[in-house]
Amino acid sequence: MREFIVEADGGSRGNPGPAGYGSVVIDATTGETLAEAAEYIGVATNNVAEYRGLLAGLRTAHALDPSASVHVRMDSKLVVEQMSGRWKIKHPDMKPLAAAAATVFPPDQVTYEWIPRAQNKHADRLANEAMDAGKRGEQWSASESTAELRSTGAAEAFQGRGRAQLSNTGPGETPKGRGAVSISGSAAGRDQPPPAATVTTTEKSSADTRAARNVATPTPGWAPADMGAPATFVLLRHGETPLTPQKRFSGSGGTNPSLSPVGQDQATRAATALATRGTIQHIIASPLTRTRETAAAVADRLGLPVTIEEGLRETDFGAWEGLTFGEVRERYPEDLATWLADPTAQPTGGGESFADTATRIAATRDKLTATYAGRTVLLVTHVTPIKTFVQLALGAPPESLFRMELSAASISAVAYYADGNASVRLFNDTSHLR
């Protein structure tokens, strides 16, 4: 029996946003690249694109040999755990994609393994090239550079993949956490077999060069002159409230606390720091009390009005509002476990999922970048919105939200350019507030 390795990936520039997938079928014995598939799928989310990549990879492998055993390797913990049957699939838009993938081969012919993103570069490259081509409105065609990769790069792509890795043992990785992910029903419904396609590496190299240049020069006027000045969002987390030092859930559905005396002092010091920067042209704040009060302190110092934006509010944590993580784990253990594993899950009592939060933040971002192109705007908001702005700008995986720490009254910044690229500055330093 032949053995194939299928590596698949998908991405969305905006989540939801322009999305594409890539997948590659590799001979498990020789490491030879046998086939590739890639497609731009329109506006969708990371989850949808990842599942579409899996589906395309399995179908491509099936076309090569329906009797082969297949070992799927992906850097999406969510897809791997759901397809392995260890995590439940609750969102109705995800179920058809998973069901379609499960029927390509008999279940006993397919195993799944999570791998780090660094080991999934081939599929990731294809996904990005698919999105690049979609942005240009071009059709897919076979390319010479990919053919060269099959003959000269297969050994490198296969390097380090010992045969022992073909076991069904799960990786020693922390389960995928809460993330900025939402589901697109229209994209999920597209389950026709995607055409196998190949792409060039030149396009991705050019995109990588542009992105690196943007990130490497974190000063005013980061973008090349022909793109004009970016829309720059300076992201200020509100000052402390009585709940902040106790690390309690404090969203948009709780008691709506005011700043504590410490928080008021932090807001005043943040205002001084921003006045020293001298770049803020507009101030926009979440509607909650703590952000209004923080914004007011800055506005008084800068002499600017404050505009309230509903889209900047914090996530609603439902029945968990006011509780510590430990208290939630004690009272609602099953709900918490589901919430940690599934970004579309809501907190107990009908709170807001992080998927819904991400959709809201993406829409707010698009509205504000269109309104304030070329200007520097202070957004006074909360932990989850700020992390989501950063995660979306970086195109980082959903679990990156759990790898960021934002102190009260800390400052970060994201600049958005005319070509769709973004660069991030993470200050996250309150030393200037003391």
Protein backbone atom coordinates (compact mmCIF):
# COMPACT_ATOMS: atom_id res chain seq x y z
CA MET A 1 0.00 0.00 0.00
CA ARG A 2 1.29 3.45 -0.92
CA GLU A 3 1.69 6.02 1.83
CA PHE A 4 1.10 9.74 1.30
CA ILE A 5 1.70 12.76 3.48
CA VAL A 6 -0.76 15.58 2.95
CA GLU A 7 0.27 19.00 4.22
CA ALA A 8 -2.41 21.69 4.08
CA ASP A 9 -2.89 25.26 5.18
CA GLY A 10 -5.22 28.17 4.67
CA GLY A 11 -5.25 31.83 5.52
CA SER A 12 -7.42 34.93 5.54
CA ARG A 13 -6.16 38.48 5.32
CA GLY A 14 -8.67 40.06 7.66
CA ASN A 15 -10.34 36.99 9.17
CA PRO A 16 -12.79 37.21 7.58
CA GLY A 17 -11.15 38.66 4.49
CA PRO A 18 -9.57 37.61 1.18
CA ALA A 19 -8.69 33.97 1.73
CA GLY A 20 -6.93 31.08 0.06
CA TYR A 21 -5.58 27.63 0.72
CA GLY A 22 -2.67 25.47 -0.30
CA SER A 23 -1.99 21.76 -0.01
CA VAL A 24 0.72 19.37 -1.10
CA VAL A 25 0.83 15.57 -1.45
CA ILE A 26 4.20 13.97 -0.67
CA ASP A 27 5.39 10.40 -1.10
CA ALA A 28 5.99 9.23 2.47
CA THR A 29 8.82 6.92 1.43
CA THR A 30 10.90 9.19 -0.82
CA GLY A 31 9.80 12.66 0.24
CA GLU A 32 8.98 13.51 -3.39
CA THR A 33 6.33 16.16 -3.98
CA LEU A 34 3.67 14.41 -6.06
CA ALA A 35 1.01 17.10 -6.43
CA GLU A 36 0.02 20.56 -5.25
CA ALA A 37 -3.30 22.38 -5.01
CA ALA A 38 -4.04 26.04 -4.29
CA GLU A 39 -7.04 28.31 -4.75
CA TYR A 40 -8.24 31.79 -3.89
CA ILE A 41 -11.70 31.30 -2.33
CA GLY A 42 -12.90 34.90 -1.91
CA VAL A 43 -13.85 36.34 1.46
CA ALA A 44 -13.68 33.69 4.17
CA THR A 45 -12.04 33.00 7.53
CA ASN A 46 -8.90 31.16 8.60
CA ASN A 47 -10.95 28.14 9.72
CA VAL A 48 -12.79 27.87 6.43
CA ALA A 49 -9.58 28.26 4.42
CA GLU A 50 -7.80 25.63 6.52
CA TYR A 51 -10.61 23.13 6.05
CA ARG A 52 -10.73 23.89 2.32
CA GLY A 53 -6.99 23.20 2.13
CA LEU A 54 -7.47 19.90 3.94
CA LEU A 55 -10.30 18.92 1.60
CA ALA A 56 -8.28 19.79 -1.51
CA GLY A 57 -5.26 17.85 -0.25
CA LEU A 58 -7.29 14.74 0.51
CA ARG A 59 -9.05 14.87 -2.86
CA THR A 60 -5.75 15.34 -4.67
CA ALA A 61 -4.28 12.35 -2.83
CA HIS A 62 -7.39 10.29 -3.61
CA ALA A 63 -7.03 11.08 -7.31
CA LEU A 64 -3.47 9.72 -7.18
CA ASP A 65 -4.35 6.49 -5.35
CA PRO A 66 -7.66 5.88 -3.54
CA SER A 67 -6.19 2.85 -1.77
CA ALA A 68 -3.26 4.75 -0.21
CA SER A 69 -2.84 5.45 3.48
CA VAL A 70 -2.70 9.19 4.21
CA HIS A 71 -1.03 11.05 7.06
CA VAL A 72 -2.28 14.64 7.30
CA ARG A 73 0.01 17.25 8.81
CA MET A 74 -1.35 20.74 9.59
CA ASP A 75 -0.46 23.63 11.87
CA SER A 76 -4.14 24.18 12.68
CA LYS A 77 -4.67 22.60 16.08
CA LEU A 78 -8.42 23.11 15.74
CA VAL A 79 -8.73 21.18 12.46
CA VAL A 80 -6.42 18.37 13.58
CA GLU A 81 -8.21 17.85 16.90
CA GLN A 82 -11.68 18.04 15.35
CA MET A 83 -10.86 15.67 12.50
CA SER A 84 -9.20 13.27 14.96
CA GLY A 85 -12.45 13.21 16.96
CA ARG A 86 -10.93 14.61 20.15
CA TRP A 87 -12.70 17.98 19.94
CA LYS A 88 -16.36 18.44 19.13
CA ILE A 89 -17.46 20.41 16.10
CA LYS A 90 -20.29 22.61 17.31
CA HIS A 91 -20.48 25.44 14.81
CA PRO A 92 -23.01 24.55 12.08
CA ASP A 93 -20.85 26.03 9.31
CA MET A 94 -17.87 23.86 10.21
CA LYS A 95 -19.74 20.56 10.21
CA PRO A 96 -20.25 20.26 6.41
CA LEU A 97 -16.55 20.88 5.75
CA ALA A 98 -15.46 18.30 8.29
CA ALA A 99 -18.03 15.82 7.01
CA ALA A 100 -16.84 16.26 3.41
CA ALA A 101 -13.20 15.75 4.44
CA ALA A 102 -14.11 12.63 6.42
CA THR A 103 -15.68 10.94 3.39
CA VAL A 104 -12.82 11.29 0.90
CA PHE A 105 -10.99 8.24 2.28
CA PRO A 106 -12.19 5.51 4.63
CA PRO A 107 -11.44 6.63 8.21
CA ASP A 108 -8.93 3.83 8.81
CA GLN A 109 -6.74 5.11 5.95
CA VAL A 110 -6.22 8.62 7.38
CA THR A 111 -4.30 9.86 10.43
CA TYR A 112 -3.73 13.42 11.62
CA GLU A 113 -0.79 15.21 13.21
CA TRP A 114 -0.32 18.78 14.40
CA ILE A 115 2.97 20.40 13.34
CA PRO A 116 4.44 23.86 14.08
CA ARG A 117 3.90 26.49 11.43
CA ALA A 118 7.63 26.45 10.61
CA GLN A 119 7.24 22.86 9.38
CA ASN A 120 4.31 23.72 7.13
CA LYS A 121 6.03 26.26 4.88
CA HIS A 122 5.22 24.56 1.59
CA ALA A 123 1.43 24.63 2.07
CA ASP A 124 1.63 28.09 3.66
CA ARG A 125 3.48 29.42 0.63
CA LEU A 126 0.85 28.03 -1.72
CA ALA A 127 -1.96 29.57 0.35
CA ASN A 128 -0.30 32.98 0.29
CA GLU A 129 0.37 32.79 -3.42
CA ALA A 130 -3.27 31.89 -3.97
CA MET A 131 -4.31 35.00 -2.05
CA ASP A 132 -1.79 37.14 -3.95
CA ALA A 133 -3.14 35.91 -7.29
CA GLY A 134 -6.72 36.45 -6.17
CA LYS A 135 -5.87 40.02 -5.24
CA ARG A 136 -4.67 40.57 -8.80
CA GLY A 137 -7.77 38.89 -10.23
CA GLU A 138 -5.69 36.30 -12.06
CA GLN A 139 -6.50 32.71 -12.93
CA TRP A 140 -4.29 29.86 -11.79
CA SER A 141 -1.91 28.04 -14.12
CA ALA A 142 0.96 25.61 -13.76
CA SER A 143 4.30 27.31 -13.15
CA GLU A 144 7.88 26.41 -13.95
CA SER A 145 9.14 27.37 -10.50
CA THR A 146 6.85 24.91 -8.77
CA ALA A 147 7.91 22.15 -11.14
CA GLU A 148 11.49 22.88 -10.15
CA LEU A 149 10.54 22.61 -6.49
CA ARG A 150 9.25 19.11 -7.10
CA SER A 151 12.59 17.90 -8.42
CA THR A 152 15.07 19.99 -6.39
CA GLY A 153 13.27 20.92 -3.20
CA ALA A 154 11.57 17.69 -2.21
CA ALA A 155 14.45 16.47 -0.10
CA GLU A 156 14.62 19.76 1.79
CA ALA A 157 10.87 19.80 2.32
CA PHE A 158 11.02 16.25 3.65
CA GLN A 159 14.10 16.72 5.82
CA GLY A 160 13.64 15.77 9.45
CA ARG A 161 10.36 13.94 8.91
CA GLY A 162 11.31 10.62 10.44
CA ARG A 163 9.14 7.62 9.79
CA ALA A 164 8.31 7.56 13.50
CA GLN A 165 6.36 10.77 12.96
CA LEU A 166 3.75 8.82 11.03
CA SER A 167 2.28 7.53 14.28
CA ASN A 168 -1.10 8.82 15.44
CA THR A 169 0.33 10.17 18.68
CA GLY A 170 -0.83 13.74 19.30
CA PRO A 171 1.78 16.47 19.69
CA GLY A 172 2.74 17.74 23.11
CA GLU A 173 1.20 21.11 22.44
CA THR A 174 -1.14 23.15 24.59
CA PRO A 175 -4.66 22.91 23.11
CA LYS A 176 -5.48 25.72 20.75
CA GLY A 177 -6.83 28.61 22.78
CA ARG A 178 -9.34 31.33 22.26
CA GLY A 179 -8.78 33.14 19.05
CA ALA A 180 -10.04 35.78 16.71
CA VAL A 181 -11.85 33.44 14.35
CA SER A 182 -15.29 33.52 12.78
CA ILE A 183 -17.09 31.29 10.30
CA SER A 184 -18.33 32.24 6.85
CA GLY A 185 -21.41 30.26 5.89
CA SER A 186 -21.20 31.16 2.21
CA ALA A 187 -17.61 29.98 1.94
CA ALA A 188 -18.35 26.84 3.93
CA GLY A 189 -20.96 25.84 1.40
CA ARG A 190 -18.41 25.60 -1.42
CA ASP A 191 -17.61 21.91 -1.36
CA GLN A 192 -17.04 21.24 -5.05
CA PRO A 193 -13.66 19.62 -5.76
CA PRO A 194 -11.19 22.48 -6.21
CA PRO A 195 -8.92 22.38 -9.22
CA ALA A 196 -5.32 21.44 -8.54
CA ALA A 197 -3.17 24.48 -9.21
CA THR A 198 0.44 25.51 -8.97
CA VAL A 199 1.95 28.93 -8.39
CA THR A 200 5.24 30.75 -8.69
CA THR A 201 7.50 31.69 -5.79
CA THR A 202 8.35 35.09 -7.27
CA GLU A 203 5.02 36.61 -6.25
CA LYS A 204 5.34 35.50 -2.63
CA SER A 205 8.94 36.67 -2.46
CA SER A 206 7.89 40.11 -3.62
CA ALA A 207 5.10 40.25 -1.03
CA ASP A 208 7.47 39.13 1.72
CA THR A 209 9.97 41.82 0.74
CA ARG A 210 7.32 44.53 0.93
CA ALA A 211 6.08 43.31 4.30
CA ALA A 212 9.60 43.08 5.72
CA ARG A 213 10.39 46.60 4.56
CA ASN A 214 7.26 47.93 6.24
CA VAL A 215 7.97 46.22 9.57
CA ALA A 216 11.68 47.01 9.56
CA THR A 217 11.24 50.79 9.63
CA PRO A 218 8.91 51.52 12.60
CA THR A 219 8.92 55.32 12.41
CA PRO A 220 6.43 57.90 11.10
CA GLY A 221 6.14 57.51 7.36
CA TRP A 222 6.86 53.78 7.47
CA ALA A 223 5.40 53.03 4.04
CA PRO A 224 7.18 53.77 0.76
CA ALA A 225 6.33 57.21 -0.60
CA ASP A 226 4.21 55.93 -3.47
CA MET A 227 1.71 54.42 -1.03
CA GLY A 228 1.28 57.60 0.97
CA ALA A 229 1.02 57.92 4.75
CA PRO A 230 -0.63 54.97 6.52
CA ALA A 231 -3.67 55.11 8.73
CA THR A 232 -2.04 54.62 12.13
CA PHE A 233 -4.05 53.43 15.13
CA VAL A 234 -2.40 54.06 18.48
CA LEU A 235 -4.06 51.50 20.76
CA LEU A 236 -4.40 52.57 24.40
CA ARG A 237 -5.80 50.18 26.96
CA HIS A 238 -7.85 51.89 29.66
CA GLY A 239 -6.42 52.43 33.14
CA GLU A 240 -7.02 50.10 36.07
CA THR A 241 -10.44 49.51 37.57
CA PRO A 242 -11.04 47.79 40.93
CA LEU A 243 -11.31 44.49 38.99
CA THR A 244 -8.01 44.78 37.10
CA PRO A 245 -5.51 43.85 39.86
CA GLN A 246 -7.66 40.83 40.76
CA LYS A 247 -7.59 39.61 37.14
CA ARG A 248 -11.36 39.22 36.96
CA PHE A 249 -13.35 38.91 33.74
CA SER A 250 -14.51 42.42 32.94
CA GLY A 251 -16.26 42.74 29.62
CA SER A 252 -19.10 44.74 28.16
CA GLY A 253 -21.82 42.79 29.97
CA GLY A 254 -20.71 43.33 33.56
CA THR A 255 -20.93 46.16 36.08
CA ASN A 256 -19.20 48.65 33.77
CA PRO A 257 -16.73 49.81 36.46
CA SER A 258 -15.07 53.21 36.61
CA LEU A 259 -11.34 53.78 36.91
CA SER A 260 -9.80 53.27 40.32
CA PRO A 261 -7.58 56.03 41.76
CA VAL A 262 -4.60 54.16 40.33
CA GLY A 263 -6.34 53.98 36.96
CA GLN A 264 -7.09 57.70 37.00
CA ASP A 265 -3.41 58.42 37.63
CA GLN A 266 -2.44 56.06 34.80
CA ALA A 267 -4.81 57.86 32.43
CA THR A 268 -3.28 61.23 33.35
CA ARG A 269 0.23 59.92 32.79
CA ALA A 270 -0.77 58.34 29.49
CA ALA A 271 -2.13 61.72 28.41
CA THR A 272 1.21 63.33 29.21
CA ALA A 273 3.10 60.65 27.26
CA LEU A 274 0.84 61.04 24.22
CA ALA A 275 1.11 64.83 24.36
CA THR A 276 4.89 64.42 24.26
CA ARG A 277 4.58 62.24 21.14
CA GLY A 278 2.57 65.00 19.50
CA THR A 279 1.18 62.80 16.72
CA ILE A 280 -2.43 62.14 17.75
CA GLN A 281 -4.98 63.81 15.46
CA HIS A 282 -8.22 62.14 16.58
CA ILE A 283 -9.46 60.27 19.66
CA ILE A 284 -11.98 57.43 19.46
CA ALA A 285 -13.13 55.43 22.47
CA SER A 286 -15.17 52.41 23.44
CA PRO A 287 -18.55 53.33 24.99
CA LEU A 288 -17.74 51.76 28.38
CA THR A 289 -17.11 53.97 31.40
CA ARG A 290 -13.47 53.05 31.97
CA THR A 291 -12.49 53.83 28.38
CA ARG A 292 -14.52 57.05 28.32
CA GLU A 293 -12.74 58.23 31.47
CA THR A 294 -9.32 57.31 30.10
CA ALA A 295 -10.07 59.03 26.79
CA ALA A 296 -11.34 62.12 28.59
CA ALA A 297 -8.02 62.52 30.42
CA VAL A 298 -6.13 62.39 27.12
CA ALA A 299 -8.61 64.67 25.38
CA ASP A 300 -8.29 67.31 28.11
CA ARG A 301 -4.52 67.33 27.66
CA LEU A 302 -4.55 67.33 23.85
CA GLY A 303 -7.54 69.61 23.35
CA LEU A 304 -9.30 67.13 21.08
CA PRO A 305 -12.89 65.84 21.11
CA VAL A 306 -13.69 62.18 21.78
CA THR A 307 -15.77 60.13 19.34
CA ILE A 308 -17.50 57.04 20.73
CA GLU A 309 -17.30 53.85 18.65
CA GLU A 310 -19.48 50.90 19.65
CA GLY A 311 -17.26 48.47 17.76
CA LEU A 312 -14.41 49.05 20.23
CA ARG A 313 -16.25 47.67 23.27
CA GLU A 314 -14.87 44.69 25.17
CA THR A 315 -16.16 41.13 24.70
CA ASP A 316 -19.26 40.21 26.71
CA PHE A 317 -18.23 37.39 29.05
CA GLY A 318 -21.77 36.44 30.08
CA ALA A 319 -22.09 34.76 33.47
CA TRP A 320 -18.32 34.93 33.94
CA GLU A 321 -18.32 38.70 34.37
CA GLY A 322 -16.65 39.65 37.65
CA LEU A 323 -15.21 36.16 38.26
CA THR A 324 -11.59 35.06 38.25
CA PHE A 325 -10.43 32.32 35.90
CA GLY A 326 -10.21 29.94 38.84
CA GLU A 327 -13.78 30.70 39.90
CA VAL A 328 -15.04 30.08 36.37
CA ARG A 329 -13.14 26.78 36.22
CA GLU A 330 -14.73 25.72 39.50
CA ARG A 331 -18.30 26.74 38.64
CA TYR A 332 -18.46 26.08 34.89
CA PRO A 333 -15.71 23.54 34.07
CA GLU A 334 -17.33 22.08 30.94
CA ASP A 335 -18.25 25.46 29.48
CA LEU A 336 -14.73 26.75 30.12
CA ALA A 337 -13.13 23.71 28.47
CA THR A 338 -15.31 24.17 25.39
CA TRP A 339 -14.54 27.89 25.29
CA LEU A 340 -10.81 27.25 25.42
CA ALA A 341 -11.02 24.71 22.60
CA ASP A 342 -13.47 26.39 20.23
CA PRO A 343 -13.24 30.09 19.27
CA THR A 344 -16.88 30.09 18.23
CA ALA A 345 -18.06 28.99 21.69
CA GLN A 346 -19.75 31.52 23.96
CA PRO A 347 -19.15 31.95 27.68
CA THR A 348 -21.84 30.61 30.00
CA GLY A 349 -25.06 32.57 29.82
CA GLY A 350 -24.86 33.65 26.19
CA GLY A 351 -21.84 35.92 26.20
CA GLU A 352 -19.95 36.86 23.06
CA SER A 353 -17.57 34.41 21.41
CA PHE A 354 -14.11 35.57 20.38
CA ALA A 355 -15.10 34.71 16.81
CA ASP A 356 -17.88 37.27 17.00
CA THR A 357 -15.51 39.77 18.59
CA ALA A 358 -13.06 39.29 15.71
CA THR A 359 -15.76 39.91 13.12
CA ARG A 360 -16.77 43.10 14.91
CA ILE A 361 -13.18 44.34 15.23
CA ALA A 362 -12.44 43.60 11.56
CA ALA A 363 -15.50 45.60 10.49
CA THR A 364 -14.54 48.47 12.81
CA ARG A 365 -10.98 48.43 11.49
CA ASP A 366 -12.15 48.63 7.89
CA LYS A 367 -14.51 51.50 8.64
CA LEU A 368 -11.92 53.50 10.55
CA THR A 369 -9.06 52.94 8.09
CA ALA A 370 -11.30 54.21 5.29
CA THR A 371 -12.35 57.26 7.32
CA TYR A 372 -8.93 58.17 8.71
CA ALA A 373 -6.56 57.25 5.86
CA GLY A 374 -3.19 58.95 6.32
CA ARG A 375 -3.96 60.10 9.88
CA THR A 376 -2.90 59.03 13.36
CA VAL A 377 -5.83 58.08 15.56
CA LEU A 378 -5.89 57.14 19.25
CA LEU A 379 -8.22 54.20 19.94
CA VAL A 380 -8.99 53.90 23.65
CA THR A 381 -10.25 50.36 24.12
CA HIS A 382 -9.78 47.04 25.95
CA VAL A 383 -7.60 43.92 26.12
CA THR A 384 -9.46 41.72 23.65
CA PRO A 385 -9.96 44.36 20.94
CA ILE A 386 -6.30 45.43 21.11
CA LYS A 387 -5.04 41.84 20.93
CA THR A 388 -7.38 41.21 18.01
CA PHE A 389 -6.17 44.28 16.11
CA VAL A 390 -2.61 43.02 16.53
CA GLN A 391 -3.41 39.38 15.69
CA LEU A 392 -5.24 40.37 12.50
CA ALA A 393 -2.47 42.75 11.44
CA LEU A 394 0.21 40.10 11.89
CA GLY A 395 -1.83 37.31 10.32
CA ALA A 396 -0.93 35.37 13.45
CA PRO A 397 -2.65 32.12 14.48
CA PRO A 398 -5.61 32.38 16.86
CA GLU A 399 -3.65 31.07 19.84
CA SER A 400 -1.46 34.18 19.65
CA LEU A 401 -4.11 36.03 21.67
CA PHE A 402 -3.04 34.01 24.70
CA ARG A 403 0.60 34.91 24.10
CA MET A 404 0.15 38.65 24.48
CA GLU A 405 0.09 40.56 27.73
CA LEU A 406 -1.30 44.09 27.83
CA SER A 407 -0.80 46.08 31.01
CA ALA A 408 -3.33 48.69 32.08
CA ALA A 409 -2.80 51.96 30.17
CA SER A 410 -0.24 50.30 27.86
CA ILE A 411 0.23 51.53 24.31
CA SER A 412 0.63 49.66 21.01
CA ALA A 413 0.25 50.82 17.41
CA VAL A 414 -0.76 49.38 14.05
CA ALA A 415 -0.19 51.15 10.74
CA TYR A 416 -2.32 50.23 7.72
CA TYR A 417 -1.03 50.87 4.21
CA ALA A 418 -2.74 51.41 0.88
CA ASP A 419 -1.57 48.03 -0.47
CA GLY A 420 -3.28 46.12 2.37
CA ASN A 421 -0.15 45.47 4.41
CA ALA A 422 0.14 46.42 8.07
CA SER A 423 2.95 46.78 10.57
CA VAL A 424 2.79 46.59 14.35
CA ARG A 425 4.62 48.37 17.16
CA LEU A 426 4.25 46.80 20.60
CA PHE A 427 5.24 49.18 23.38
CA ASN A 428 3.26 47.55 26.21
CA ASP A 429 5.32 49.51 28.69
CA THR A 430 3.83 51.48 31.54
CA SER A 431 7.19 52.73 32.80
CA HIS A 432 6.43 56.07 31.20
CA LEU A 433 3.28 56.24 33.34
CA ARG A 434 5.09 56.21 36.69
